[in-house]
Amino acid sequence: MPSRPYQNHLRSSNDLVTTYEATRAGFVALALEKNRRATPYVAEARALQEAASRARTPADLLSIRGIESGLLTAAGLSDKALVHLQPEDKREAITNLIKNFLDPAGEKFVEELVFRFLLTRGDTLGGSMRNIGGVLAQRKLTRAIVSTLTIAGIRYRWQHAKTRQWVDMTDDDSEIEFSLRGLSWESEGKPRTLIYNLSVPLVKNNIDLCLFDLSPDELQATRYKSARSYIALGELKGGIDPAGADEHWKTARAALDRIREVFANVSHSPYLFFIGAAIEKRMATEIWDQLEKGVLTNAANLNDPNQIASVSRWLCML
């Protein structure tokens, strides 16, 4: 690999700048993901409507089995809130819902119930969308890395985000990026493990991407405390809104500066890189300057397939 790997896909700072077309496509992708995540809630609302339609009056809802959870949601209680409530608290919440909102709605009480159910679910959806840019960015980069390994004939294992179990690759690994936390492979006979969103003990902060020269088992044994095992660390910012671009870069730059300082104290210099979706002209100039000075080893615009493919190949071959 060249000493300046960014030169494989960048010729100047202008190559890093996010185009209008990329920004527009990014917002469309966010809208599509929001609709995808909303689908289960819409289905739940339809199920609640069908069951509640059997009630002749709002009070009859109390005797219909299997809709208590829906009634509590319509009462404005989130899934997290329900964990802390006693049965009598839940009963009171439903009673207040009926008295204050469903009874006044008259014969339209079922519609009122469904509307209020969706209002609470909409709030839940909004919360899940707060870091959706980062989620989509991780999926895109993961797919690029998996593709790079596949065409190179390199077998890999991947870690499930929820179970934390490592799974061997199969002939059909489509959509593993939806539930993946880490990847492991071998580069020239040496183990490599990539972990997303890791709280690095040395830095005492969460880092978006960390590449290690250890196998998953070896990595677990060190509890991520071996400074020498870190090959590369990077910041991945998937927010597409140009208005937040500068803030994303400031956050990433501060994190990378902190990483550099901490590892310098233990006489180790891992590669540092940045990947962003929203990169404005001034940001691009600053990133390019850091690349030219060797402060950053690599960088890419997430919206450019060639740049992401190049960075993925660089990571896989380290």
C-alpha atoms as a PDB file:
ATOM      1  CA  MET A   1       0.000   0.000   0.000  1.00  0.00           C
ATOM      2  CA  PRO A   2       1.279   3.547  -0.775  1.00  0.00           C
ATOM      3  CA  SER A   3       2.447   5.713   2.107  1.00  0.00           C
ATOM      4  CA  ARG A   4      -0.331   8.141   1.199  1.00  0.00           C
ATOM      5  CA  PRO A   5      -3.312   5.874   0.482  1.00  0.00           C
ATOM      6  CA  TYR A   6      -5.717   8.788   0.030  1.00  0.00           C
ATOM      7  CA  GLN A   7      -3.955   9.583  -3.254  1.00  0.00           C
ATOM      8  CA  ASN A   8      -5.584   6.488  -4.736  1.00  0.00           C
ATOM      9  CA  HIS A   9      -8.942   8.275  -4.775  1.00  0.00           C
ATOM     10  CA  LEU A  10      -8.320  11.968  -4.055  1.00  0.00           C
ATOM     11  CA  ARG A  11      -6.548  14.518  -6.230  1.00  0.00           C
ATOM     12  CA  SER A  12      -7.464  17.657  -4.292  1.00  0.00           C
ATOM     13  CA  SER A  13      -9.733  18.914  -1.524  1.00  0.00           C
ATOM     14  CA  ASN A  14     -12.465  19.427  -4.124  1.00  0.00           C
ATOM     15  CA  ASP A  15     -12.883  15.654  -4.407  1.00  0.00           C
ATOM     16  CA  LEU A  16     -13.998  15.556  -0.763  1.00  0.00           C
ATOM     17  CA  VAL A  17     -16.796  18.108  -1.118  1.00  0.00           C
ATOM     18  CA  THR A  18     -20.339  16.709  -1.024  1.00  0.00           C
ATOM     19  CA  THR A  19     -22.257  17.517  -4.205  1.00  0.00           C
ATOM     20  CA  TYR A  20     -25.825  18.800  -4.324  1.00  0.00           C
ATOM     21  CA  GLU A  21     -26.907  15.538  -5.950  1.00  0.00           C
ATOM     22  CA  ALA A  22     -25.375  13.524  -3.104  1.00  0.00           C
ATOM     23  CA  THR A  23     -27.092  15.698  -0.497  1.00  0.00           C
ATOM     24  CA  ARG A  24     -30.436  15.251  -2.215  1.00  0.00           C
ATOM     25  CA  ALA A  25     -29.955  11.483  -2.483  1.00  0.00           C
ATOM     26  CA  GLY A  26     -28.986  11.373   1.193  1.00  0.00           C
ATOM     27  CA  PHE A  27     -32.203  13.034   2.300  1.00  0.00           C
ATOM     28  CA  VAL A  28     -34.213  10.630   0.127  1.00  0.00           C
ATOM     29  CA  ALA A  29     -32.408   7.689   1.751  1.00  0.00           C
ATOM     30  CA  LEU A  30     -33.303   9.034   5.198  1.00  0.00           C
ATOM     31  CA  ALA A  31     -36.960   9.340   4.193  1.00  0.00           C
ATOM     32  CA  LEU A  32     -37.020   5.781   2.862  1.00  0.00           C
ATOM     33  CA  GLU A  33     -35.463   4.459   6.062  1.00  0.00           C
ATOM     34  CA  LYS A  34     -37.970   6.371   8.163  1.00  0.00           C
ATOM     35  CA  ASN A  35     -40.820   4.801   6.210  1.00  0.00           C
ATOM     36  CA  ARG A  36     -39.249   1.353   6.570  1.00  0.00           C
ATOM     37  CA  ARG A  37     -39.025   1.770  10.334  1.00  0.00           C
ATOM     38  CA  ALA A  38     -42.578   3.104  10.514  1.00  0.00           C
ATOM     39  CA  THR A  39     -44.081   0.030   8.830  1.00  0.00           C
ATOM     40  CA  PRO A  40     -44.368  -2.100  12.022  1.00  0.00           C
ATOM     41  CA  TYR A  41     -46.079   0.758  13.864  1.00  0.00           C
ATOM     42  CA  VAL A  42     -48.647   1.177  11.092  1.00  0.00           C
ATOM     43  CA  ALA A  43     -49.340  -2.569  11.201  1.00  0.00           C
ATOM     44  CA  GLU A  44     -49.757  -2.388  14.997  1.00  0.00           C
ATOM     45  CA  ALA A  45     -52.215   0.491  14.625  1.00  0.00           C
ATOM     46  CA  ARG A  46     -54.292  -1.507  12.155  1.00  0.00           C
ATOM     47  CA  ALA A  47     -54.352  -4.489  14.511  1.00  0.00           C
ATOM     48  CA  LEU A  48     -55.435  -2.237  17.384  1.00  0.00           C
ATOM     49  CA  GLN A  49     -58.148  -0.666  15.243  1.00  0.00           C
ATOM     50  CA  GLU A  50     -59.557  -4.053  14.256  1.00  0.00           C
ATOM     51  CA  ALA A  51     -59.664  -5.308  17.847  1.00  0.00           C
ATOM     52  CA  ALA A  52     -61.028  -2.047  19.275  1.00  0.00           C
ATOM     53  CA  SER A  53     -63.796  -1.931  16.664  1.00  0.00           C
ATOM     54  CA  ARG A  54     -65.543  -4.703  18.598  1.00  0.00           C
ATOM     55  CA  ALA A  55     -66.224  -2.299  21.463  1.00  0.00           C
ATOM     56  CA  ARG A  56     -69.565  -0.475  21.460  1.00  0.00           C
ATOM     57  CA  THR A  57     -68.378   2.114  23.988  1.00  0.00           C
ATOM     58  CA  PRO A  58     -64.944   3.253  25.207  1.00  0.00           C
ATOM     59  CA  ALA A  59     -65.504   1.420  28.496  1.00  0.00           C
ATOM     60  CA  ASP A  60     -65.908  -1.853  26.579  1.00  0.00           C
ATOM     61  CA  LEU A  61     -62.236  -1.618  25.605  1.00  0.00           C
ATOM     62  CA  LEU A  62     -61.320  -2.720  29.123  1.00  0.00           C
ATOM     63  CA  SER A  63     -62.873  -6.128  28.537  1.00  0.00           C
ATOM     64  CA  ILE A  64     -61.162  -6.860  25.204  1.00  0.00           C
ATOM     65  CA  ARG A  65     -58.242  -9.222  25.687  1.00  0.00           C
ATOM     66  CA  GLY A  66     -54.885  -8.596  24.071  1.00  0.00           C
ATOM     67  CA  ILE A  67     -55.015  -4.820  23.575  1.00  0.00           C
ATOM     68  CA  GLU A  68     -53.775  -3.534  26.940  1.00  0.00           C
ATOM     69  CA  SER A  69     -50.351  -2.687  25.514  1.00  0.00           C
ATOM     70  CA  GLY A  70     -51.981  -0.726  22.695  1.00  0.00           C
ATOM     71  CA  LEU A  71     -54.200   1.156  25.146  1.00  0.00           C
ATOM     72  CA  LEU A  72     -51.197   2.069  27.279  1.00  0.00           C
ATOM     73  CA  THR A  73     -49.357   3.339  24.220  1.00  0.00           C
ATOM     74  CA  ALA A  74     -52.389   5.429  23.259  1.00  0.00           C
ATOM     75  CA  ALA A  75     -52.335   6.786  26.815  1.00  0.00           C
ATOM     76  CA  GLY A  76     -48.910   8.238  26.025  1.00  0.00           C
ATOM     77  CA  LEU A  77     -46.726   5.683  27.800  1.00  0.00           C
ATOM     78  CA  SER A  78     -43.546   4.515  26.097  1.00  0.00           C
ATOM     79  CA  ASP A  79     -42.199   0.975  26.316  1.00  0.00           C
ATOM     80  CA  LYS A  80     -39.458   2.237  28.643  1.00  0.00           C
ATOM     81  CA  ALA A  81     -41.990   3.887  30.947  1.00  0.00           C
ATOM     82  CA  LEU A  82     -44.064   0.705  31.245  1.00  0.00           C
ATOM     83  CA  VAL A  83     -41.174  -1.121  32.901  1.00  0.00           C
ATOM     84  CA  HIS A  84     -41.475   1.164  35.925  1.00  0.00           C
ATOM     85  CA  LEU A  85     -45.259   0.985  36.370  1.00  0.00           C
ATOM     86  CA  GLN A  86     -47.312  -1.239  38.637  1.00  0.00           C
ATOM     87  CA  PRO A  87     -50.573  -2.890  37.424  1.00  0.00           C
ATOM     88  CA  GLU A  88     -52.646  -0.280  39.240  1.00  0.00           C
ATOM     89  CA  ASP A  89     -50.683   2.517  37.540  1.00  0.00           C
ATOM     90  CA  LYS A  90     -51.407   1.022  34.141  1.00  0.00           C
ATOM     91  CA  ARG A  91     -55.091   0.654  34.962  1.00  0.00           C
ATOM     92  CA  GLU A  92     -55.269   4.290  36.017  1.00  0.00           C
ATOM     93  CA  ALA A  93     -53.552   5.429  32.814  1.00  0.00           C
ATOM     94  CA  ILE A  94     -56.071   3.569  30.660  1.00  0.00           C
ATOM     95  CA  THR A  95     -58.996   4.847  32.733  1.00  0.00           C
ATOM     96  CA  ASN A  96     -57.789   8.429  32.294  1.00  0.00           C
ATOM     97  CA  LEU A  97     -57.388   7.854  28.549  1.00  0.00           C
ATOM     98  CA  ILE A  98     -60.993   6.722  28.290  1.00  0.00           C
ATOM     99  CA  LYS A  99     -62.390   9.462  30.529  1.00  0.00           C
ATOM    100  CA  ASN A 100     -60.448  12.414  29.134  1.00  0.00           C
ATOM    101  CA  PHE A 101     -60.114  11.569  25.446  1.00  0.00           C
ATOM    102  CA  LEU A 102     -62.129   8.593  24.212  1.00  0.00           C
ATOM    103  CA  ASP A 103     -65.464   9.376  25.872  1.00  0.00           C
ATOM    104  CA  PRO A 104     -65.479  12.971  24.526  1.00  0.00           C
ATOM    105  CA  ALA A 105     -64.823  11.599  21.022  1.00  0.00           C
ATOM    106  CA  GLY A 106     -68.250   9.944  21.001  1.00  0.00           C
ATOM    107  CA  GLU A 107     -68.790   7.382  18.263  1.00  0.00           C
ATOM    108  CA  LYS A 108     -65.378   8.267  16.814  1.00  0.00           C
ATOM    109  CA  PHE A 109     -63.595   6.886  19.885  1.00  0.00           C
ATOM    110  CA  VAL A 110     -61.832   4.114  17.925  1.00  0.00           C
ATOM    111  CA  GLU A 111     -60.329   6.655  15.535  1.00  0.00           C
ATOM    112  CA  GLU A 112     -59.260   8.777  18.504  1.00  0.00           C
ATOM    113  CA  LEU A 113     -57.643   5.715  20.078  1.00  0.00           C
ATOM    114  CA  VAL A 114     -55.679   4.881  16.927  1.00  0.00           C
ATOM    115  CA  PHE A 115     -54.587   8.490  16.411  1.00  0.00           C
ATOM    116  CA  ARG A 116     -53.247   8.677  19.956  1.00  0.00           C
ATOM    117  CA  PHE A 117     -51.518   5.318  19.573  1.00  0.00           C
ATOM    118  CA  LEU A 118     -49.749   6.566  16.445  1.00  0.00           C
ATOM    119  CA  LEU A 119     -48.833   9.834  18.162  1.00  0.00           C
ATOM    120  CA  THR A 120     -46.861   7.961  20.823  1.00  0.00           C
ATOM    121  CA  ARG A 121     -45.360   5.564  18.299  1.00  0.00           C
ATOM    122  CA  GLY A 122     -44.327   8.545  16.192  1.00  0.00           C
ATOM    123  CA  ASP A 123     -42.386   9.885  19.145  1.00  0.00           C
ATOM    124  CA  THR A 124     -40.677   6.499  19.475  1.00  0.00           C
ATOM    125  CA  LEU A 125     -39.838   6.562  15.774  1.00  0.00           C
ATOM    126  CA  GLY A 126     -38.407  10.061  16.084  1.00  0.00           C
ATOM    127  CA  GLY A 127     -36.105   8.901  18.862  1.00  0.00           C
ATOM    128  CA  SER A 128     -34.853   5.976  16.808  1.00  0.00           C
ATOM    129  CA  MET A 129     -34.103   8.325  13.895  1.00  0.00           C
ATOM    130  CA  ARG A 130     -31.771  10.624  15.834  1.00  0.00           C
ATOM    131  CA  ASN A 131     -28.641   8.751  14.793  1.00  0.00           C
ATOM    132  CA  ILE A 132     -30.012   7.236  11.623  1.00  0.00           C
ATOM    133  CA  GLY A 133     -27.336   8.952   9.548  1.00  0.00           C
ATOM    134  CA  GLY A 134     -24.671   7.075  11.479  1.00  0.00           C
ATOM    135  CA  VAL A 135     -26.550   3.800  11.106  1.00  0.00           C
ATOM    136  CA  LEU A 136     -26.874   4.184   7.337  1.00  0.00           C
ATOM    137  CA  ALA A 137     -23.212   5.184   7.088  1.00  0.00           C
ATOM    138  CA  GLN A 138     -22.122   2.067   8.953  1.00  0.00           C
ATOM    139  CA  ARG A 139     -24.244  -0.122   6.692  1.00  0.00           C
ATOM    140  CA  LYS A 140     -22.780   1.430   3.560  1.00  0.00           C
ATOM    141  CA  LEU A 141     -19.178   1.097   4.723  1.00  0.00           C
ATOM    142  CA  THR A 142     -19.765  -2.442   5.968  1.00  0.00           C
ATOM    143  CA  ARG A 143     -21.162  -3.538   2.629  1.00  0.00           C
ATOM    144  CA  ALA A 144     -18.134  -2.032   0.874  1.00  0.00           C
ATOM    145  CA  ILE A 145     -15.700  -3.842   3.204  1.00  0.00           C
ATOM    146  CA  VAL A 146     -17.544  -7.156   2.866  1.00  0.00           C
ATOM    147  CA  SER A 147     -17.519  -6.766  -0.921  1.00  0.00           C
ATOM    148  CA  THR A 148     -13.780  -6.040  -0.883  1.00  0.00           C
ATOM    149  CA  LEU A 149     -13.073  -9.160   1.161  1.00  0.00           C
ATOM    150  CA  THR A 150     -15.343 -11.280  -1.022  1.00  0.00           C
ATOM    151  CA  ILE A 151     -13.781 -10.311  -4.356  1.00  0.00           C
ATOM    152  CA  ALA A 152     -10.331 -10.843  -2.815  1.00  0.00           C
ATOM    153  CA  GLY A 153     -11.339 -14.375  -1.859  1.00  0.00           C
ATOM    154  CA  ILE A 154     -10.768 -13.625   1.821  1.00  0.00           C
ATOM    155  CA  ARG A 155     -13.073 -15.435   4.208  1.00  0.00           C
ATOM    156  CA  TYR A 156     -14.378 -13.480   7.170  1.00  0.00           C
ATOM    157  CA  ARG A 157     -16.438 -13.772  10.325  1.00  0.00           C
ATOM    158  CA  TRP A 158     -18.867 -11.173  11.570  1.00  0.00           C
ATOM    159  CA  GLN A 159     -20.157 -10.266  15.008  1.00  0.00           C
ATOM    160  CA  HIS A 160     -23.874  -9.895  15.647  1.00  0.00           C
ATOM    161  CA  ALA A 161     -24.618  -6.534  17.281  1.00  0.00           C
ATOM    162  CA  LYS A 162     -27.196  -7.863  19.754  1.00  0.00           C
ATOM    163  CA  THR A 163     -25.937 -11.340  20.643  1.00  0.00           C
ATOM    164  CA  ARG A 164     -22.232 -10.442  20.300  1.00  0.00           C
ATOM    165  CA  GLN A 165     -21.751 -13.894  18.765  1.00  0.00           C
ATOM    166  CA  TRP A 166     -19.239 -14.350  15.945  1.00  0.00           C
ATOM    167  CA  VAL A 167     -20.672 -15.971  12.820  1.00  0.00           C
ATOM    168  CA  ASP A 168     -18.814 -17.547   9.884  1.00  0.00           C
ATOM    169  CA  MET A 169     -19.478 -16.079   6.451  1.00  0.00           C
ATOM    170  CA  THR A 170     -21.901 -17.951   4.207  1.00  0.00           C
ATOM    171  CA  ASP A 171     -22.624 -17.987   0.490  1.00  0.00           C
ATOM    172  CA  ASP A 172     -25.466 -15.540   1.121  1.00  0.00           C
ATOM    173  CA  ASP A 173     -24.551 -12.770   3.536  1.00  0.00           C
ATOM    174  CA  SER A 174     -26.970 -10.243   2.095  1.00  0.00           C
ATOM    175  CA  GLU A 175     -28.159  -7.679   4.646  1.00  0.00           C
ATOM    176  CA  ILE A 176     -25.723  -8.697   7.402  1.00  0.00           C
ATOM    177  CA  GLU A 177     -24.887  -4.990   7.577  1.00  0.00           C
ATOM    178  CA  PHE A 178     -28.262  -4.478   9.289  1.00  0.00           C
ATOM    179  CA  SER A 179     -27.142  -6.404  12.375  1.00  0.00           C
ATOM    180  CA  LEU A 180     -23.342  -6.334  12.307  1.00  0.00           C
ATOM    181  CA  ARG A 181     -21.026  -4.881  14.942  1.00  0.00           C
ATOM    182  CA  GLY A 182     -17.670  -6.280  13.854  1.00  0.00           C
ATOM    183  CA  LEU A 183     -15.733  -8.112  11.141  1.00  0.00           C
ATOM    184  CA  SER A 184     -12.710 -10.388  11.351  1.00  0.00           C
ATOM    185  CA  TRP A 185     -10.408 -11.710   8.624  1.00  0.00           C
ATOM    186  CA  GLU A 186      -6.763 -12.463   7.882  1.00  0.00           C
ATOM    187  CA  SER A 187      -4.386 -10.210   5.960  1.00  0.00           C
ATOM    188  CA  GLU A 188      -1.311 -12.070   4.707  1.00  0.00           C
ATOM    189  CA  GLY A 189      -1.824 -14.684   7.395  1.00  0.00           C
ATOM    190  CA  LYS A 190      -2.217 -12.159  10.204  1.00  0.00           C
ATOM    191  CA  PRO A 191      -5.493 -11.675  12.116  1.00  0.00           C
ATOM    192  CA  ARG A 192      -7.489  -8.491  11.684  1.00  0.00           C
ATOM    193  CA  THR A 193     -10.622  -7.473  13.584  1.00  0.00           C
ATOM    194  CA  LEU A 194     -12.721  -4.376  12.935  1.00  0.00           C
ATOM    195  CA  ILE A 195     -15.135  -3.189  15.632  1.00  0.00           C
ATOM    196  CA  TYR A 196     -17.697  -0.403  15.308  1.00  0.00           C
ATOM    197  CA  ASN A 197     -18.659   2.033  18.069  1.00  0.00           C
ATOM    198  CA  LEU A 198     -16.166   0.870  20.646  1.00  0.00           C
ATOM    199  CA  SER A 199     -15.502   2.530  23.981  1.00  0.00           C
ATOM    200  CA  VAL A 200     -11.699   2.522  23.897  1.00  0.00           C
ATOM    201  CA  PRO A 201     -10.261   2.205  27.434  1.00  0.00           C
ATOM    202  CA  LEU A 202      -7.125   4.204  26.637  1.00  0.00           C
ATOM    203  CA  VAL A 203      -9.060   7.092  25.126  1.00  0.00           C
ATOM    204  CA  LYS A 204     -12.040   6.809  27.494  1.00  0.00           C
ATOM    205  CA  ASN A 205     -14.345   7.726  24.638  1.00  0.00           C
ATOM    206  CA  ASN A 206     -16.432   5.970  22.022  1.00  0.00           C
ATOM    207  CA  ILE A 207     -14.648   5.590  18.674  1.00  0.00           C
ATOM    208  CA  ASP A 208     -16.595   4.871  15.491  1.00  0.00           C
ATOM    209  CA  LEU A 209     -14.152   2.349  13.970  1.00  0.00           C
ATOM    210  CA  CYS A 210     -11.194   0.447  15.400  1.00  0.00           C
ATOM    211  CA  LEU A 211      -9.027  -2.032  13.491  1.00  0.00           C
ATOM    212  CA  PHE A 212      -6.905  -4.485  15.518  1.00  0.00           C
ATOM    213  CA  ASP A 213      -4.123  -6.948  14.704  1.00  0.00           C
ATOM    214  CA  LEU A 214      -5.779  -9.583  16.907  1.00  0.00           C
ATOM    215  CA  SER A 215      -8.386 -12.285  16.411  1.00  0.00           C
ATOM    216  CA  PRO A 216     -11.746 -11.816  18.175  1.00  0.00           C
ATOM    217  CA  ASP A 217     -10.758 -14.221  20.965  1.00  0.00           C
ATOM    218  CA  GLU A 218      -7.402 -12.517  21.487  1.00  0.00           C
ATOM    219  CA  LEU A 219      -9.090  -9.136  21.421  1.00  0.00           C
ATOM    220  CA  GLN A 220     -11.608 -10.181  24.044  1.00  0.00           C
ATOM    221  CA  ALA A 221      -8.785 -11.424  26.263  1.00  0.00           C
ATOM    222  CA  THR A 222      -7.077  -8.018  26.174  1.00  0.00           C
ATOM    223  CA  ARG A 223     -10.351  -6.163  26.824  1.00  0.00           C
ATOM    224  CA  TYR A 224      -9.217  -3.645  24.201  1.00  0.00           C
ATOM    225  CA  LYS A 225      -6.476  -2.376  26.534  1.00  0.00           C
ATOM    226  CA  SER A 226      -3.437  -3.334  24.433  1.00  0.00           C
ATOM    227  CA  ALA A 227      -2.331  -0.105  22.750  1.00  0.00           C
ATOM    228  CA  ARG A 228      -0.062  -1.926  20.297  1.00  0.00           C
ATOM    229  CA  SER A 229      -2.969  -3.972  18.961  1.00  0.00           C
ATOM    230  CA  TYR A 230      -4.634  -0.901  17.430  1.00  0.00           C
ATOM    231  CA  ILE A 231      -3.766  -0.611  13.736  1.00  0.00           C
ATOM    232  CA  ALA A 232      -6.200   2.125  12.715  1.00  0.00           C
ATOM    233  CA  LEU A 233      -8.939   4.235  14.271  1.00  0.00           C
ATOM    234  CA  GLY A 234     -11.466   6.318  12.407  1.00  0.00           C
ATOM    235  CA  GLU A 235     -14.429   8.617  12.698  1.00  0.00           C
ATOM    236  CA  LEU A 236     -17.501   7.949  10.548  1.00  0.00           C
ATOM    237  CA  LYS A 237     -20.052  10.769  10.276  1.00  0.00           C
ATOM    238  CA  GLY A 238     -23.176   9.918   8.306  1.00  0.00           C
ATOM    239  CA  GLY A 239     -25.277  13.050   8.830  1.00  0.00           C
ATOM    240  CA  ILE A 240     -26.172  14.468   5.410  1.00  0.00           C
ATOM    241  CA  ASP A 241     -27.550  17.887   6.390  1.00  0.00           C
ATOM    242  CA  PRO A 242     -25.067  20.576   5.222  1.00  0.00           C
ATOM    243  CA  ALA A 243     -26.123  22.746   8.176  1.00  0.00           C
ATOM    244  CA  GLY A 244     -24.606  20.223  10.581  1.00  0.00           C
ATOM    245  CA  ALA A 245     -21.514  19.382   8.545  1.00  0.00           C
ATOM    246  CA  ASP A 246     -19.135  21.722  10.351  1.00  0.00           C
ATOM    247  CA  GLU A 247     -20.270  20.483  13.767  1.00  0.00           C
ATOM    248  CA  HIS A 248     -19.766  16.854  12.722  1.00  0.00           C
ATOM    249  CA  TRP A 249     -16.224  17.624  11.604  1.00  0.00           C
ATOM    250  CA  LYS A 250     -15.435  19.515  14.816  1.00  0.00           C
ATOM    251  CA  THR A 251     -16.603  16.513  16.842  1.00  0.00           C
ATOM    252  CA  ALA A 252     -14.604  14.092  14.704  1.00  0.00           C
ATOM    253  CA  ARG A 253     -11.506  16.296  14.721  1.00  0.00           C
ATOM    254  CA  ALA A 254     -11.594  16.584  18.520  1.00  0.00           C
ATOM    255  CA  ALA A 255     -11.936  12.799  18.819  1.00  0.00           C
ATOM    256  CA  LEU A 256      -9.040  12.173  16.434  1.00  0.00           C
ATOM    257  CA  ASP A 257      -6.859  14.728  18.240  1.00  0.00           C
ATOM    258  CA  ARG A 258      -7.612  12.973  21.514  1.00  0.00           C
ATOM    259  CA  ILE A 259      -6.711   9.579  20.011  1.00  0.00           C
ATOM    260  CA  ARG A 260      -3.442  10.935  18.643  1.00  0.00           C
ATOM    261  CA  GLU A 261      -2.494  12.457  21.993  1.00  0.00           C
ATOM    262  CA  VAL A 262      -3.323   9.370  24.060  1.00  0.00           C
ATOM    263  CA  PHE A 263      -1.468   6.932  21.815  1.00  0.00           C
ATOM    264  CA  ALA A 264       1.535   9.253  21.565  1.00  0.00           C
ATOM    265  CA  ASN A 265       1.832   8.982  25.342  1.00  0.00           C
ATOM    266  CA  VAL A 266       2.379   5.227  24.972  1.00  0.00           C
ATOM    267  CA  SER A 267       4.695   5.620  21.962  1.00  0.00           C
ATOM    268  CA  HIS A 268       2.288   4.199  19.410  1.00  0.00           C
ATOM    269  CA  SER A 269       0.939   5.833  16.246  1.00  0.00           C
ATOM    270  CA  PRO A 270      -2.014   3.993  14.692  1.00  0.00           C
ATOM    271  CA  TYR A 271      -3.390   5.165  11.363  1.00  0.00           C
ATOM    272  CA  LEU A 272      -6.160   7.764  11.676  1.00  0.00           C
ATOM    273  CA  PHE A 273      -8.887   8.336   9.106  1.00  0.00           C
ATOM    274  CA  PHE A 274     -12.129  10.232   8.562  1.00  0.00           C
ATOM    275  CA  ILE A 275     -15.194   9.389   6.466  1.00  0.00           C
ATOM    276  CA  GLY A 276     -18.040  11.882   6.212  1.00  0.00           C
ATOM    277  CA  ALA A 277     -21.301  12.254   4.312  1.00  0.00           C
ATOM    278  CA  ALA A 278     -21.674  16.040   4.563  1.00  0.00           C
ATOM    279  CA  ILE A 279     -18.372  17.737   3.737  1.00  0.00           C
ATOM    280  CA  GLU A 280     -18.402  21.428   2.906  1.00  0.00           C
ATOM    281  CA  LYS A 281     -15.678  23.348   1.051  1.00  0.00           C
ATOM    282  CA  ARG A 282     -13.926  24.758   4.130  1.00  0.00           C
ATOM    283  CA  MET A 283     -14.004  21.377   5.868  1.00  0.00           C
ATOM    284  CA  ALA A 284     -12.587  19.690   2.788  1.00  0.00           C
ATOM    285  CA  THR A 285      -9.684  22.147   2.721  1.00  0.00           C
ATOM    286  CA  GLU A 286      -8.872  21.442   6.366  1.00  0.00           C
ATOM    287  CA  ILE A 287      -9.127  17.666   5.911  1.00  0.00           C
ATOM    288  CA  TRP A 288      -6.900  17.825   2.835  1.00  0.00           C
ATOM    289  CA  ASP A 289      -4.347  19.867   4.766  1.00  0.00           C
ATOM    290  CA  GLN A 290      -4.256  17.206   7.506  1.00  0.00           C
ATOM    291  CA  LEU A 291      -3.807  14.496   4.879  1.00  0.00           C
ATOM    292  CA  GLU A 292      -0.927  16.327   3.231  1.00  0.00           C
ATOM    293  CA  LYS A 293       0.781  16.891   6.586  1.00  0.00           C
ATOM    294  CA  GLY A 294       0.335  13.264   7.627  1.00  0.00           C
ATOM    295  CA  VAL A 295      -1.939  14.132  10.543  1.00  0.00           C
ATOM    296  CA  LEU A 296      -4.611  11.998   8.883  1.00  0.00           C
ATOM    297  CA  THR A 297      -3.683   8.892   6.921  1.00  0.00           C
ATOM    298  CA  ASN A 298      -6.843   8.577   4.880  1.00  0.00           C
ATOM    299  CA  ALA A 299     -10.200  10.252   4.258  1.00  0.00           C
ATOM    300  CA  ALA A 300     -13.198   9.861   1.996  1.00  0.00           C
ATOM    301  CA  ASN A 301     -16.624  11.207   1.164  1.00  0.00           C
ATOM    302  CA  LEU A 302     -19.179   8.549   2.071  1.00  0.00           C
ATOM    303  CA  ASN A 303     -21.312   9.389  -0.966  1.00  0.00           C
ATOM    304  CA  ASP A 304     -18.603   8.555  -3.499  1.00  0.00           C
ATOM    305  CA  PRO A 305     -18.585   4.784  -4.211  1.00  0.00           C
ATOM    306  CA  ASN A 306     -15.043   4.849  -5.598  1.00  0.00           C
ATOM    307  CA  GLN A 307     -13.671   6.622  -2.541  1.00  0.00           C
ATOM    308  CA  ILE A 308     -15.402   4.192  -0.168  1.00  0.00           C
ATOM    309  CA  ALA A 309     -14.184   1.219  -2.191  1.00  0.00           C
ATOM    310  CA  SER A 310     -10.639   2.595  -2.011  1.00  0.00           C
ATOM    311  CA  VAL A 311     -10.752   3.145   1.759  1.00  0.00           C
ATOM    312  CA  SER A 312     -12.281  -0.307   2.237  1.00  0.00           C
ATOM    313  CA  ARG A 313      -9.475  -1.927   0.267  1.00  0.00           C
ATOM    314  CA  TRP A 314      -6.916   0.022   2.299  1.00  0.00           C
ATOM    315  CA  LEU A 315      -8.436  -1.191   5.577  1.00  0.00           C
ATOM    316  CA  CYS A 316      -8.657  -4.792   4.393  1.00  0.00           C
ATOM    317  CA  MET A 317      -5.029  -4.841   3.258  1.00  0.00           C
ATOM    318  CA  LEU A 318      -3.476  -3.227   6.347  1.00  0.00           C
END
